[in-house]
């Protein structure tokens, strides 16, 4: 697999989704043409594929951890308890 990088000049820059013609000659030379003119480009190496992780049969997945809960002495918990007490006392009085 080969990947080509284009070096467009500002005057010849094609609009989005413009069609270009890619010509590959018998000597394996590639030419990119836009509006009938050959455009400069250079070839780069294709990225190496990462090997996939082996499939392990019969192995259990780690248990799903529950999200962190603050301890009872945490300020968020104290504020929540105080608000609940205020609501309970205001609704209890006629």
C-alpha atoms as a PDB file:
ATOM      1  CA  UNK A   1       0.000   0.000   0.000  1.00  0.00           C
ATOM      2  CA  UNK A   2       1.313   3.424  -0.842  1.00  0.00           C
ATOM      3  CA  UNK A   3       0.196   6.824   0.258  1.00  0.00           C
ATOM      4  CA  UNK A   4       0.891   9.992  -1.672  1.00  0.00           C
ATOM      5  CA  UNK A   5       1.109  13.469  -0.170  1.00  0.00           C
ATOM      6  CA  UNK A   6       0.151  16.401  -2.376  1.00  0.00           C
ATOM      7  CA  UNK A   7       1.968  19.714  -2.399  1.00  0.00           C
ATOM      8  CA  UNK A   8      -0.494  22.114  -3.998  1.00  0.00           C
ATOM      9  CA  UNK A   9       0.494  25.642  -4.841  1.00  0.00           C
ATOM     10  CA  UNK A  10      -1.946  28.330  -3.725  1.00  0.00           C
ATOM     11  CA  UNK A  11      -2.982  29.128  -7.311  1.00  0.00           C
ATOM     12  CA  UNK A  12      -3.756  25.508  -8.240  1.00  0.00           C
ATOM     13  CA  UNK A  13      -5.434  24.461  -4.988  1.00  0.00           C
ATOM     14  CA  UNK A  14      -8.582  22.504  -5.899  1.00  0.00           C
ATOM     15  CA  UNK A  15     -11.934  23.133  -4.210  1.00  0.00           C
ATOM     16  CA  UNK A  16     -13.298  20.555  -1.791  1.00  0.00           C
ATOM     17  CA  UNK A  17     -14.366  17.267  -3.343  1.00  0.00           C
ATOM     18  CA  UNK A  18     -12.775  18.242  -6.650  1.00  0.00           C
ATOM     19  CA  UNK A  19     -11.942  15.344  -8.909  1.00  0.00           C
ATOM     20  CA  UNK A  20      -8.334  14.594  -9.762  1.00  0.00           C
ATOM     21  CA  UNK A  21      -7.010  12.015 -12.180  1.00  0.00           C
ATOM     22  CA  UNK A  22      -4.416   9.586 -10.904  1.00  0.00           C
ATOM     23  CA  UNK A  23      -2.288   8.061 -13.642  1.00  0.00           C
ATOM     24  CA  UNK A  24      -0.019   5.093 -12.987  1.00  0.00           C
ATOM     25  CA  UNK A  25       2.384   4.391 -15.836  1.00  0.00           C
ATOM     26  CA  UNK A  26       3.958   1.094 -16.860  1.00  0.00           C
ATOM     27  CA  UNK A  27       7.180   2.035 -15.061  1.00  0.00           C
ATOM     28  CA  UNK A  28       5.076   2.380 -11.835  1.00  0.00           C
ATOM     29  CA  UNK A  29       5.442   6.155 -11.867  1.00  0.00           C
ATOM     30  CA  UNK A  30       2.372   7.956 -10.516  1.00  0.00           C
ATOM     31  CA  UNK A  31       1.113  11.286 -11.798  1.00  0.00           C
ATOM     32  CA  UNK A  32      -1.689  13.292 -10.196  1.00  0.00           C
ATOM     33  CA  UNK A  33      -3.514  15.624 -12.580  1.00  0.00           C
ATOM     34  CA  UNK A  34      -5.913  18.435 -11.732  1.00  0.00           C
ATOM     35  CA  UNK A  35      -7.451  20.407 -14.602  1.00  0.00           C
ATOM     36  CA  UNK A  36      -5.090  18.654 -17.013  1.00  0.00           C
ATOM     37  CA  UNK A  37      -1.909  19.739 -15.210  1.00  0.00           C
ATOM     38  CA  UNK A  38       0.387  17.400 -13.296  1.00  0.00           C
ATOM     39  CA  UNK A  39       0.584  18.278  -9.599  1.00  0.00           C
ATOM     40  CA  UNK A  40       3.664  17.750  -7.440  1.00  0.00           C
ATOM     41  CA  UNK A  41       3.412  15.035  -4.799  1.00  0.00           C
ATOM     42  CA  UNK A  42       5.627  12.744  -2.785  1.00  0.00           C
ATOM     43  CA  UNK A  43       5.159   9.174  -1.624  1.00  0.00           C
ATOM     44  CA  UNK A  44       5.323   8.223   2.059  1.00  0.00           C
ATOM     45  CA  UNK A  45       5.426   4.862   3.816  1.00  0.00           C
ATOM     46  CA  UNK A  46       2.112   3.252   4.728  1.00  0.00           C
ATOM     47  CA  UNK A  47       1.475   3.027   8.482  1.00  0.00           C
ATOM     48  CA  UNK A  48       2.317  -0.337  10.006  1.00  0.00           C
ATOM     49  CA  UNK A  49      -0.686  -2.326  11.176  1.00  0.00           C
ATOM     50  CA  UNK A  50      -0.701  -3.099  14.880  1.00  0.00           C
ATOM     51  CA  UNK A  51      -1.012  -6.793  15.657  1.00  0.00           C
ATOM     52  CA  UNK A  52      -4.344  -7.592  17.241  1.00  0.00           C
ATOM     53  CA  UNK A  53      -4.449  -8.910  20.794  1.00  0.00           C
ATOM     54  CA  UNK A  54      -4.787 -12.673  21.002  1.00  0.00           C
ATOM     55  CA  UNK A  55      -8.247 -13.992  21.837  1.00  0.00           C
ATOM     56  CA  UNK A  56      -8.277 -15.714  25.207  1.00  0.00           C
ATOM     57  CA  UNK A  57     -10.882 -18.420  25.625  1.00  0.00           C
ATOM     58  CA  UNK A  58     -12.222 -19.286  29.064  1.00  0.00           C
ATOM     59  CA  UNK A  59     -10.720 -16.268  30.796  1.00  0.00           C
ATOM     60  CA  UNK A  60     -13.078 -14.178  32.926  1.00  0.00           C
ATOM     61  CA  UNK A  61     -13.303 -10.443  32.491  1.00  0.00           C
ATOM     62  CA  UNK A  62     -12.491  -8.294  35.504  1.00  0.00           C
ATOM     63  CA  UNK A  63     -15.565  -7.284  37.510  1.00  0.00           C
ATOM     64  CA  UNK A  64     -17.056  -3.903  36.667  1.00  0.00           C
ATOM     65  CA  UNK A  65     -16.125  -1.385  39.332  1.00  0.00           C
ATOM     66  CA  UNK A  66     -18.836   0.852  40.665  1.00  0.00           C
ATOM     67  CA  UNK A  67     -18.218   4.600  40.556  1.00  0.00           C
ATOM     68  CA  UNK A  68     -16.503   6.177  43.548  1.00  0.00           C
ATOM     69  CA  UNK A  69     -18.807   7.153  46.399  1.00  0.00           C
ATOM     70  CA  UNK A  70     -17.635   9.679  48.981  1.00  0.00           C
ATOM     71  CA  UNK A  71     -17.484   8.483  52.609  1.00  0.00           C
ATOM     72  CA  UNK A  72     -20.168   9.519  55.119  1.00  0.00           C
ATOM     73  CA  UNK A  73     -17.856  12.178  56.582  1.00  0.00           C
ATOM     74  CA  UNK A  74     -17.341  13.882  53.205  1.00  0.00           C
ATOM     75  CA  UNK A  75     -18.547  17.536  52.974  1.00  0.00           C
ATOM     76  CA  UNK A  76     -20.878  16.733  50.079  1.00  0.00           C
ATOM     77  CA  UNK A  77     -22.656  14.142  52.183  1.00  0.00           C
ATOM     78  CA  UNK A  78     -22.938  16.514  55.150  1.00  0.00           C
ATOM     79  CA  UNK A  79     -24.434  19.254  52.960  1.00  0.00           C
ATOM     80  CA  UNK A  80     -26.941  16.788  51.511  1.00  0.00           C
ATOM     81  CA  UNK A  81     -27.978  15.555  54.936  1.00  0.00           C
ATOM     82  CA  UNK A  82     -28.417  19.135  56.213  1.00  0.00           C
ATOM     83  CA  UNK A  83     -30.601  20.029  53.223  1.00  0.00           C
ATOM     84  CA  UNK A  84     -32.707  16.897  53.739  1.00  0.00           C
ATOM     85  CA  UNK A  85     -33.177  17.799  57.417  1.00  0.00           C
ATOM     86  CA  UNK A  86     -34.281  21.340  56.470  1.00  0.00           C
ATOM     87  CA  UNK A  87     -36.801  19.978  53.984  1.00  0.00           C
ATOM     88  CA  UNK A  88     -38.125  17.476  56.509  1.00  0.00           C
ATOM     89  CA  UNK A  89     -38.577  20.095  59.241  1.00  0.00           C
ATOM     90  CA  UNK A  90     -40.219  22.670  56.945  1.00  0.00           C
ATOM     91  CA  UNK A  91     -42.731  20.177  55.547  1.00  0.00           C
ATOM     92  CA  UNK A  92     -43.543  18.748  59.003  1.00  0.00           C
ATOM     93  CA  UNK A  93     -44.684  22.099  60.471  1.00  0.00           C
ATOM     94  CA  UNK A  94     -48.226  23.192  59.556  1.00  0.00           C
END
